[in-house]
Amino acid sequence: MTRSGQEYLASLRDGREIWLDGERIGDVASHPAFRNTAASIARLYDLAHDSAHAPVLTRGGVHRAFAIPRSYGDLVARREAYKVWAEASFGFLGRTPDCMAGGAAGFAALPSLFTTDVYDGSDAALAYHRRLAEGDLYPTFTLTNPQIDRTRPPSAQEEDDLVVRVVAEKDGGIVVRGAKTIGTAAVFGNEVLVGTIEPLTPQDVEHAVCFSVPVGTPGLRLVSRTSYEARARSVFDNPLSSRFDENDALLVCDDVFVPWERVLAYRNVDVAFRMWWHTPAYLNFVHQAATRFWTKLEFLTGVAILITKANNTYEVPQVTQAIGRLLGRVAQAKAFVLAAEASCEEVDGGRGGVAPGRDISYAHRIMAGELYPQAVQEIRLLAGGGLIQLPASGEDLLHPELGPLLRKYVRSPGTPAEDRVKLLKLAWDALGSEFAGRHEQYERFYHGAPHVYLTQQAWEGGGPACEALARACLDGYGLGGAR
């Protein structure tokens, strides 16, 4: 059954080792650097647990993201669930629980991939999916290696224990040591899955491992980046960063023991890589991400419309054209989601259900990484200098001397100072703050480095069909003319 928000918050009090600003955080759910975002995530659980949205978000008492879709209709139903949660954070919480839930469902759709002559992780993959779904857990993941020396494979850096690797094998499991980076939302999760999404060399066998452990596991440490929530002055001044900072963390394993039943891949570089690309896991990631991205563009375009109306420029031809371009980008983002669903493919001959269309899903990541900075730039131009000259905080509007001055000089026809400042504060938090800068960079690399997913597009996408069409043209004529 689904959990309530309070049950989710209680689950964070598990002794996890979280570090920020040289301090070990005792309680993520109540600390000023994390509590508002934790509350926002708790609200997602409440929407699924007991609200008017529960029929859309759940089926049979389980969140729809955990379900293995069996038809096009199931994909549509899953997307509708994704959309509800995406709208609750206006698209600014990316790694919500439904993200890796879809990944786990992707593993469970094709468990045979995890079976090799070295290690059989099929039962662990199925157990992972079942454990998350039945417990309504928040699964997170970290797959990126530290950026220390990308010219050397992980096996060449073992002497420094830089990248997570297996250092010992025991009857009950394995011992791992090393680090992974960009554990987005890991501080808020119940379990963290550690693996690799990039190709490994045959020499990297000690690094060819994927496992999932509770965040409170002894020896597991998460070092948080700057908390934008902690730096926020108020919800009025920082409406997004104060509530939707999902955070990113460095994960360090200091001889962490992992039971065999939690090890999905082991000592097989092909499985450690293919578990993402040859099951529906990555495609499910994109399905959730593309729905969220579409929602985020809707929100940003709505902000642009509100700003131009407040500035009394909405009907200026050049502004109308700019709004039209933004609406076109929203439609483009929506089209990718609908097209991926409509071009769904059977998994394992239908035995593993269906997955969103591979070509469209891969193409979405190319589109999104390029489109997002363009949309942000368009809206910043529409907002103009109003984003720069804003009161330091909402407190200025309440001051007996400053308030009347601001109400006189920081306004526009039909928009009082309070409403104008509130709107522009929202716009700056979305477009120009440090929080906004993180989001622009993150959208560029949302599903990893382009050199990984673009090669998958080239190898497994529509390349053969494109090549065949060009070859058909070449084969249709010669020196003697058309054949």
Protein backbone atom coordinates (compact mmCIF):
# COMPACT_ATOMS: atom_id res chain seq x y z
CA MET A 1 0.00 0.00 0.00
CA THR A 2 1.07 3.58 -0.51
CA ARG A 3 2.54 5.54 2.39
CA SER A 4 1.37 8.83 3.82
CA GLY A 5 3.62 11.87 3.81
CA GLN A 6 4.20 11.53 7.54
CA GLU A 7 5.21 7.88 7.12
CA TYR A 8 7.69 8.94 4.46
CA LEU A 9 9.19 11.64 6.70
CA ALA A 10 9.50 9.15 9.57
CA SER A 11 11.44 6.79 7.28
CA LEU A 12 14.19 9.40 6.87
CA ARG A 13 15.11 9.09 10.56
CA ASP A 14 17.24 6.00 10.06
CA GLY A 15 20.67 7.17 11.24
CA ARG A 16 21.85 8.04 7.72
CA GLU A 17 25.17 9.86 7.44
CA ILE A 18 24.58 13.15 5.61
CA TRP A 19 27.17 15.95 5.65
CA LEU A 20 26.72 19.63 4.81
CA ASP A 21 28.98 22.59 5.59
CA GLY A 22 31.22 20.50 7.82
CA GLU A 23 28.28 19.30 9.91
CA ARG A 24 26.69 15.88 10.12
CA ILE A 25 22.96 16.35 9.71
CA GLY A 26 21.00 14.65 12.44
CA ASP A 27 17.52 14.73 10.90
CA VAL A 28 16.98 15.49 7.22
CA ALA A 29 13.25 15.92 7.75
CA SER A 30 13.68 18.82 10.19
CA HIS A 31 17.01 20.44 9.18
CA PRO A 32 16.67 23.94 7.60
CA ALA A 33 18.70 22.83 4.58
CA PHE A 34 16.32 19.99 3.68
CA ARG A 35 13.01 20.18 5.54
CA ASN A 36 10.95 22.14 3.00
CA THR A 37 11.95 19.88 0.13
CA ALA A 38 11.32 16.83 2.29
CA ALA A 39 7.86 18.26 2.99
CA SER A 40 7.29 18.76 -0.76
CA ILE A 41 8.15 15.11 -1.36
CA ALA A 42 5.89 14.10 1.52
CA ARG A 43 3.07 15.96 -0.25
CA LEU A 44 3.61 13.76 -3.31
CA TYR A 45 3.09 10.71 -1.13
CA ASP A 46 -0.08 12.26 0.31
CA LEU A 47 -1.42 12.88 -3.20
CA ALA A 48 -1.09 9.16 -3.93
CA HIS A 49 -2.12 7.96 -0.49
CA ASP A 50 -5.32 9.86 0.14
CA SER A 51 -6.47 12.50 -2.30
CA ALA A 52 -8.61 12.99 -5.37
CA HIS A 53 -5.54 12.12 -7.44
CA ALA A 54 -5.11 8.65 -5.92
CA PRO A 55 -7.01 6.83 -8.74
CA VAL A 56 -4.69 8.40 -11.31
CA LEU A 57 -1.51 7.86 -9.30
CA THR A 58 -2.15 4.32 -8.09
CA ARG A 59 -3.58 1.01 -9.15
CA GLY A 60 -4.25 -1.81 -6.73
CA GLY A 61 -2.69 0.21 -3.92
CA VAL A 62 0.64 0.59 -5.74
CA HIS A 63 1.99 3.64 -7.53
CA ARG A 64 1.60 3.24 -11.28
CA ALA A 65 5.31 3.92 -11.85
CA PHE A 66 6.09 0.49 -10.38
CA ALA A 67 3.75 -1.30 -12.80
CA ILE A 68 5.14 -3.06 -15.86
CA PRO A 69 3.02 -1.62 -18.70
CA ARG A 70 1.37 -4.26 -20.84
CA SER A 71 -0.21 -2.01 -23.46
CA TYR A 72 -0.22 1.44 -24.97
CA GLY A 73 -3.06 2.30 -22.61
CA ASP A 74 -0.89 1.38 -19.63
CA LEU A 75 1.81 3.77 -20.85
CA VAL A 76 -0.75 6.57 -21.12
CA ALA A 77 -2.01 5.83 -17.60
CA ARG A 78 1.54 5.88 -16.27
CA ARG A 79 2.22 9.21 -17.98
CA GLU A 80 -0.91 10.69 -16.45
CA ALA A 81 0.43 9.69 -13.04
CA TYR A 82 3.82 11.20 -13.86
CA LYS A 83 2.07 14.44 -14.86
CA VAL A 84 0.29 14.84 -11.53
CA TRP A 85 3.52 14.62 -9.56
CA ALA A 86 5.41 16.80 -12.04
CA GLU A 87 2.82 19.55 -11.76
CA ALA A 88 3.04 19.45 -7.95
CA SER A 89 6.62 20.79 -8.19
CA PHE A 90 6.12 22.67 -11.48
CA GLY A 91 8.72 20.35 -13.04
CA PHE A 92 11.55 21.33 -10.69
CA LEU A 93 11.77 18.04 -8.79
CA GLY A 94 13.28 15.65 -11.31
CA ARG A 95 14.28 12.54 -9.39
CA THR A 96 11.00 12.06 -7.58
CA PRO A 97 10.22 8.50 -6.38
CA ASP A 98 8.51 7.63 -9.68
CA CYS A 99 11.75 8.07 -11.63
CA MET A 100 13.73 5.07 -10.34
CA ALA A 101 10.45 3.22 -9.76
CA GLY A 102 10.18 3.09 -13.54
CA GLY A 103 13.77 1.92 -13.74
CA ALA A 104 13.06 -0.91 -11.31
CA ALA A 105 10.03 -1.91 -13.37
CA GLY A 106 12.31 -1.96 -16.41
CA PHE A 107 14.65 -4.42 -14.70
CA ALA A 108 11.74 -6.64 -13.68
CA ALA A 109 10.42 -6.67 -17.25
CA LEU A 110 13.53 -8.53 -18.44
CA PRO A 111 15.14 -10.33 -15.48
CA SER A 112 16.88 -12.86 -17.73
CA LEU A 113 19.40 -10.19 -18.73
CA PHE A 114 20.90 -10.39 -15.24
CA THR A 115 21.71 -14.10 -15.55
CA THR A 116 25.29 -14.98 -16.56
CA ASP A 117 27.70 -17.84 -15.95
CA VAL A 118 29.55 -15.60 -13.47
CA TYR A 119 26.62 -14.37 -11.38
CA ASP A 120 22.84 -14.64 -11.51
CA GLY A 121 21.24 -11.39 -10.42
CA SER A 122 17.78 -12.09 -11.82
CA ASP A 123 16.25 -12.89 -8.42
CA ALA A 124 17.85 -9.77 -6.93
CA ALA A 125 16.45 -7.62 -9.75
CA LEU A 126 12.95 -9.00 -9.18
CA ALA A 127 13.30 -8.66 -5.40
CA TYR A 128 14.46 -5.05 -5.82
CA HIS A 129 11.36 -4.18 -7.80
CA ARG A 130 9.05 -6.05 -5.42
CA ARG A 131 10.63 -4.53 -2.29
CA LEU A 132 10.26 -0.99 -3.58
CA ALA A 133 6.70 -1.44 -4.82
CA GLU A 134 5.37 -3.24 -1.76
CA GLY A 135 7.04 -0.81 0.64
CA ASP A 136 6.27 2.27 -1.49
CA LEU A 137 9.92 3.19 -1.01
CA TYR A 138 11.77 6.14 -2.48
CA PRO A 139 14.52 4.69 -4.71
CA THR A 140 17.39 6.93 -5.78
CA PHE A 141 20.55 6.18 -7.73
CA THR A 142 24.05 7.36 -8.47
CA LEU A 143 25.86 6.15 -11.58
CA THR A 144 28.54 8.76 -12.33
CA ASN A 145 32.23 8.28 -11.57
CA PRO A 146 34.27 11.12 -10.00
CA GLN A 147 35.74 13.47 -12.59
CA ILE A 148 39.38 12.97 -11.65
CA ASP A 149 41.05 11.45 -14.68
CA ARG A 150 38.66 10.54 -17.48
CA THR A 151 41.58 9.44 -19.65
CA ARG A 152 42.02 6.35 -17.47
CA PRO A 153 39.46 3.56 -17.02
CA PRO A 154 38.27 2.79 -13.48
CA SER A 155 40.60 -0.22 -13.26
CA ALA A 156 43.61 2.11 -13.64
CA GLN A 157 42.49 4.11 -10.59
CA GLU A 158 41.99 1.25 -8.15
CA GLU A 159 45.04 2.11 -6.06
CA ASP A 160 43.27 5.26 -4.89
CA ASP A 161 39.84 3.68 -4.43
CA LEU A 162 38.39 6.49 -6.51
CA VAL A 163 35.52 4.61 -8.15
CA VAL A 164 33.21 2.18 -6.37
CA ARG A 165 34.60 -1.33 -6.65
CA VAL A 166 34.42 -4.70 -4.93
CA VAL A 167 37.29 -5.15 -2.47
CA ALA A 168 36.18 -8.39 -0.81
CA GLU A 169 33.75 -11.25 -1.27
CA LYS A 170 32.09 -13.02 1.65
CA ASP A 171 29.61 -15.85 2.04
CA GLY A 172 26.79 -13.41 2.66
CA GLY A 173 27.72 -10.74 0.15
CA ILE A 174 30.39 -8.33 -1.02
CA VAL A 175 32.32 -5.38 0.41
CA VAL A 176 32.58 -2.24 -1.70
CA ARG A 177 34.76 0.84 -1.48
CA GLY A 178 35.03 4.08 -3.48
CA ALA A 179 32.82 6.93 -4.65
CA LYS A 180 30.09 7.95 -7.07
CA THR A 181 28.91 11.48 -7.80
CA ILE A 182 25.71 13.40 -8.53
CA GLY A 183 23.49 11.38 -6.24
CA THR A 184 20.49 13.58 -7.00
CA ALA A 185 17.87 13.43 -4.21
CA ALA A 186 19.86 10.65 -2.54
CA VAL A 187 19.65 12.42 0.83
CA PHE A 188 15.85 12.14 0.59
CA GLY A 189 15.68 8.52 -0.58
CA ASN A 190 15.10 5.26 1.24
CA GLU A 191 17.46 3.23 -0.93
CA VAL A 192 20.26 4.23 -3.26
CA LEU A 193 21.16 2.11 -6.25
CA VAL A 194 24.86 2.28 -7.14
CA GLY A 195 26.03 1.26 -10.60
CA THR A 196 27.41 2.49 -13.89
CA ILE A 197 25.68 3.59 -17.06
CA GLU A 198 28.87 4.13 -19.07
CA PRO A 199 30.73 1.39 -20.98
CA LEU A 200 33.46 -0.42 -19.05
CA THR A 201 36.58 -2.09 -20.37
CA PRO A 202 37.19 -5.83 -19.84
CA GLN A 203 39.78 -4.86 -17.20
CA ASP A 204 37.10 -3.08 -15.13
CA VAL A 205 35.58 -6.29 -13.81
CA GLU A 206 35.96 -5.21 -10.17
CA HIS A 207 33.90 -2.12 -10.99
CA ALA A 208 31.23 -4.07 -12.87
CA VAL A 209 28.82 -4.09 -9.97
CA CYS A 210 25.33 -2.76 -9.31
CA PHE A 211 23.58 -2.93 -5.96
CA SER A 212 20.95 -1.14 -3.90
CA VAL A 213 21.24 -0.53 -0.17
CA PRO A 214 19.33 1.54 2.41
CA VAL A 215 20.66 5.09 2.70
CA GLY A 216 21.30 4.44 6.39
CA THR A 217 23.68 1.52 5.69
CA PRO A 218 26.84 1.65 7.89
CA GLY A 219 29.84 2.97 5.99
CA LEU A 220 27.76 4.84 3.42
CA ARG A 221 28.28 8.59 3.49
CA LEU A 222 26.59 11.35 1.48
CA VAL A 223 28.30 14.74 1.18
CA SER A 224 25.76 17.34 0.08
CA ARG A 225 26.44 20.22 -2.25
CA THR A 226 25.33 23.72 -1.28
CA SER A 227 21.73 23.77 -0.13
CA TYR A 228 19.79 26.42 -2.04
CA GLU A 229 16.93 25.84 0.37
CA ALA A 230 19.17 26.84 3.30
CA ARG A 231 20.12 30.06 1.49
CA ALA A 232 16.53 30.97 0.62
CA ARG A 233 15.19 33.97 2.53
CA SER A 234 11.54 32.99 2.38
CA VAL A 235 8.99 31.31 0.13
CA PHE A 236 7.99 34.77 -1.12
CA ASP A 237 11.57 35.66 -2.09
CA ASN A 238 12.65 32.21 -3.30
CA PRO A 239 9.46 30.30 -4.09
CA LEU A 240 11.14 27.44 -5.97
CA SER A 241 14.54 27.00 -4.35
CA SER A 242 13.02 27.16 -0.87
CA ARG A 243 10.73 24.18 -1.55
CA PHE A 244 12.05 22.14 -4.48
CA ASP A 245 15.81 21.81 -4.03
CA GLU A 246 16.22 18.07 -4.57
CA ASN A 247 19.94 18.38 -3.84
CA ASP A 248 22.89 16.42 -5.23
CA ALA A 249 25.43 14.52 -3.18
CA LEU A 250 28.77 12.75 -3.40
CA LEU A 251 28.37 9.13 -2.31
CA VAL A 252 31.32 7.53 -0.54
CA CYS A 253 31.43 3.84 0.38
CA ASP A 254 33.85 3.01 3.18
CA ASP A 255 33.92 -0.79 3.13
CA VAL A 256 30.15 -1.08 2.84
CA PHE A 257 28.81 -4.61 3.15
CA VAL A 258 26.17 -5.50 0.54
CA PRO A 259 24.19 -8.76 0.94
CA TRP A 260 23.97 -10.94 -2.16
CA GLU A 261 20.20 -10.46 -2.36
CA ARG A 262 20.84 -6.76 -3.04
CA VAL A 263 23.43 -7.30 -5.80
CA LEU A 264 21.92 -7.03 -9.28
CA ALA A 265 25.11 -7.21 -11.39
CA TYR A 266 28.54 -8.56 -10.47
CA ARG A 267 31.83 -9.07 -12.31
CA ASN A 268 30.31 -8.76 -15.76
CA VAL A 269 31.01 -5.52 -17.63
CA ASP A 270 28.36 -6.25 -20.27
CA VAL A 271 25.54 -6.75 -17.78
CA ALA A 272 26.55 -3.71 -15.71
CA PHE A 273 26.14 -1.62 -18.87
CA ARG A 274 23.33 -3.41 -20.70
CA MET A 275 21.01 -3.49 -17.69
CA TRP A 276 20.16 0.12 -18.49
CA TRP A 277 20.13 0.05 -22.28
CA HIS A 278 18.81 -3.44 -23.08
CA THR A 279 15.99 -3.51 -20.55
CA PRO A 280 13.24 -0.84 -20.52
CA ALA A 281 14.93 0.88 -17.54
CA TYR A 282 16.41 3.83 -19.47
CA LEU A 283 13.30 4.18 -21.64
CA ASN A 284 11.19 4.36 -18.49
CA PHE A 285 13.53 7.02 -17.12
CA VAL A 286 12.96 9.10 -20.23
CA HIS A 287 9.19 8.59 -20.08
CA GLN A 288 9.12 10.15 -16.61
CA ALA A 289 11.70 12.82 -17.48
CA ALA A 290 10.00 13.81 -20.72
CA THR A 291 6.66 14.25 -18.95
CA ARG A 292 8.33 16.38 -16.30
CA PHE A 293 10.20 18.40 -18.94
CA TRP A 294 6.98 19.11 -20.80
CA THR A 295 5.43 20.27 -17.52
CA LYS A 296 8.42 22.47 -16.72
CA LEU A 297 8.19 24.21 -20.10
CA GLU A 298 4.46 24.76 -19.54
CA PHE A 299 5.28 26.45 -16.25
CA LEU A 300 8.07 28.63 -17.66
CA THR A 301 5.91 29.67 -20.60
CA GLY A 302 3.14 30.56 -18.16
CA VAL A 303 5.60 32.75 -16.26
CA ALA A 304 6.54 34.46 -19.53
CA ILE A 305 2.89 35.17 -20.31
CA LEU A 306 2.28 36.60 -16.84
CA ILE A 307 5.36 38.84 -17.09
CA THR A 308 4.43 40.25 -20.50
CA LYS A 309 0.88 40.88 -19.36
CA ALA A 310 2.16 42.61 -16.22
CA ASN A 311 4.50 44.70 -18.39
CA ASN A 312 1.60 45.52 -20.71
CA THR A 313 3.61 44.16 -23.67
CA TYR A 314 1.70 40.95 -24.31
CA GLU A 315 0.07 42.23 -27.51
CA VAL A 316 3.21 43.83 -28.96
CA PRO A 317 3.88 41.87 -32.20
CA GLN A 318 7.46 40.93 -31.36
CA VAL A 319 6.41 39.76 -27.90
CA THR A 320 3.48 37.79 -29.30
CA GLN A 321 5.90 36.04 -31.66
CA ALA A 322 8.21 35.18 -28.77
CA ILE A 323 5.31 33.72 -26.79
CA GLY A 324 4.34 31.77 -29.89
CA ARG A 325 7.83 30.28 -30.08
CA LEU A 326 7.64 29.25 -26.43
CA LEU A 327 4.23 27.65 -26.94
CA GLY A 328 5.69 25.82 -29.94
CA ARG A 329 8.43 24.43 -27.71
CA VAL A 330 5.84 23.26 -25.20
CA ALA A 331 3.99 21.47 -28.01
CA GLN A 332 7.28 19.98 -29.17
CA ALA A 333 8.02 18.60 -25.72
CA LYS A 334 4.49 17.19 -25.47
CA ALA A 335 4.78 15.63 -28.92
CA PHE A 336 7.88 13.66 -27.90
CA VAL A 337 6.01 12.13 -24.96
CA LEU A 338 2.97 11.18 -27.03
CA ALA A 339 5.09 9.88 -29.91
CA ALA A 340 7.19 7.68 -27.63
CA GLU A 341 4.00 6.15 -26.24
CA ALA A 342 2.42 5.69 -29.67
CA SER A 343 5.57 3.98 -31.00
CA CYS A 344 5.79 1.60 -28.03
CA GLU A 345 7.72 -1.64 -28.51
CA GLU A 346 7.24 -5.11 -27.09
CA VAL A 347 9.75 -6.28 -24.50
CA ASP A 348 11.01 -9.85 -24.85
CA GLY A 349 8.36 -10.70 -27.42
CA GLY A 350 5.65 -9.24 -25.22
CA ARG A 351 6.53 -11.32 -22.17
CA GLY A 352 7.97 -8.20 -20.55
CA GLY A 353 5.11 -5.96 -21.59
CA VAL A 354 5.82 -2.83 -23.63
CA ALA A 355 8.19 0.12 -23.40
CA PRO A 356 8.15 3.61 -24.94
CA GLY A 357 9.59 3.78 -28.45
CA ARG A 358 13.38 3.71 -28.35
CA ASP A 359 14.11 6.15 -31.19
CA ILE A 360 11.81 8.87 -29.89
CA SER A 361 12.97 8.38 -26.31
CA TYR A 362 16.63 8.75 -27.22
CA ALA A 363 15.86 11.74 -29.41
CA HIS A 364 14.07 13.47 -26.55
CA ARG A 365 17.28 13.80 -24.58
CA ILE A 366 18.97 15.54 -27.52
CA MET A 367 16.03 17.89 -27.94
CA ALA A 368 15.62 18.72 -24.24
CA GLY A 369 19.27 19.54 -23.60
CA GLU A 370 19.27 22.01 -26.46
CA LEU A 371 15.78 23.43 -26.04
CA TYR A 372 15.85 24.31 -22.34
CA PRO A 373 18.62 26.96 -22.52
CA GLN A 374 16.86 28.50 -25.53
CA ALA A 375 13.58 28.78 -23.62
CA VAL A 376 15.29 30.32 -20.59
CA GLN A 377 17.07 32.86 -22.78
CA GLU A 378 13.81 33.79 -24.53
CA ILE A 379 11.99 34.42 -21.24
CA ARG A 380 14.86 36.42 -19.75
CA LEU A 381 14.76 38.73 -22.75
CA LEU A 382 11.02 39.17 -22.30
CA ALA A 383 11.45 40.00 -18.61
CA GLY A 384 14.12 42.63 -19.27
CA GLY A 385 15.68 44.70 -16.51
CA GLY A 386 12.80 44.13 -14.14
CA LEU A 387 14.53 40.97 -12.95
CA ILE A 388 17.51 43.02 -11.76
CA GLN A 389 15.89 45.85 -9.84
CA LEU A 390 13.96 43.98 -7.16
CA PRO A 391 13.64 44.64 -3.42
CA ALA A 392 16.06 42.59 -1.34
CA SER A 393 13.16 40.80 0.29
CA GLY A 394 9.44 40.93 0.83
CA GLU A 395 10.15 42.56 4.17
CA ASP A 396 10.81 45.83 2.33
CA LEU A 397 7.18 45.89 1.18
CA LEU A 398 6.06 45.63 4.81
CA HIS A 399 8.34 48.41 6.07
CA PRO A 400 6.41 51.58 7.01
CA GLU A 401 8.79 53.86 5.06
CA LEU A 402 9.97 51.63 2.20
CA GLY A 403 6.60 50.06 1.49
CA PRO A 404 4.94 53.21 0.13
CA LEU A 405 7.99 54.01 -2.03
CA LEU A 406 8.01 50.53 -3.57
CA ARG A 407 4.28 50.63 -4.17
CA LYS A 408 4.79 53.85 -6.09
CA TYR A 409 7.84 52.93 -8.19
CA VAL A 410 7.76 49.12 -8.53
CA ARG A 411 4.46 48.58 -10.27
CA SER A 412 2.87 48.54 -13.69
CA PRO A 413 -0.61 49.28 -15.03
CA GLY A 414 -3.04 46.86 -13.44
CA THR A 415 -0.33 45.13 -11.39
CA PRO A 416 0.28 46.38 -7.84
CA ALA A 417 3.82 46.37 -6.45
CA GLU A 418 3.25 43.30 -4.27
CA ASP A 419 2.02 41.24 -7.21
CA ARG A 420 4.77 42.47 -9.52
CA VAL A 421 7.56 41.77 -7.03
CA LYS A 422 6.10 38.34 -6.27
CA LEU A 423 5.99 37.45 -9.97
CA LEU A 424 9.51 38.70 -10.73
CA LYS A 425 10.92 36.96 -7.66
CA LEU A 426 9.43 33.72 -9.01
CA ALA A 427 10.87 34.41 -12.45
CA TRP A 428 14.35 35.13 -11.10
CA ASP A 429 14.34 31.98 -8.99
CA ALA A 430 13.45 29.98 -12.13
CA LEU A 431 15.70 31.82 -14.60
CA GLY A 432 18.63 33.62 -13.00
CA SER A 433 19.39 32.41 -9.48
CA GLU A 434 22.06 29.86 -8.56
CA PHE A 435 19.21 27.38 -8.25
CA ALA A 436 18.19 28.26 -11.83
CA GLY A 437 21.77 27.88 -13.06
CA ARG A 438 21.91 24.40 -11.60
CA HIS A 439 18.69 23.50 -13.42
CA GLU A 440 19.97 24.74 -16.76
CA GLN A 441 23.16 22.71 -16.39
CA TYR A 442 21.21 19.72 -15.13
CA GLU A 443 18.80 19.70 -18.07
CA ARG A 444 21.81 19.52 -20.39
CA PHE A 445 23.08 16.38 -18.62
CA TYR A 446 19.84 15.01 -17.18
CA HIS A 447 20.42 11.46 -18.40
CA GLY A 448 24.18 11.42 -18.32
CA ALA A 449 26.92 12.54 -20.61
CA PRO A 450 26.00 13.03 -24.28
CA HIS A 451 28.90 10.83 -25.36
CA VAL A 452 27.03 7.91 -23.78
CA TYR A 453 23.41 8.38 -24.86
CA LEU A 454 24.29 9.80 -28.29
CA THR A 455 26.32 6.69 -29.10
CA GLN A 456 23.32 4.58 -28.13
CA GLN A 457 21.24 6.65 -30.54
CA ALA A 458 23.77 6.00 -33.31
CA TRP A 459 24.13 2.27 -32.62
CA GLU A 460 20.56 1.32 -31.81
CA GLY A 461 18.39 4.14 -33.16
CA GLY A 462 17.18 4.74 -36.69
CA GLY A 463 20.65 4.70 -38.23
CA PRO A 464 20.16 1.49 -40.26
CA ALA A 465 16.92 2.77 -41.80
CA CYS A 466 18.53 6.11 -42.68
CA GLU A 467 21.51 4.33 -44.17
CA ALA A 468 19.27 1.96 -46.14
CA LEU A 469 17.31 4.83 -47.68
CA ALA A 470 20.48 6.64 -48.76
CA ARG A 471 21.88 3.34 -50.11
CA ALA A 472 18.67 2.78 -52.12
CA CYS A 473 19.22 6.10 -53.83
CA LEU A 474 22.84 5.28 -54.64
CA ASP A 475 21.88 1.87 -55.95
CA GLY A 476 19.27 3.42 -58.25
CA TYR A 477 21.71 4.90 -60.74
CA GLY A 478 25.20 4.58 -62.13
CA LEU A 479 27.47 6.02 -64.77
CA GLY A 480 25.02 4.88 -67.39
CA GLY A 481 22.06 6.67 -65.81
CA ALA A 482 19.06 5.46 -63.85
CA ARG A 483 18.45 1.73 -63.52
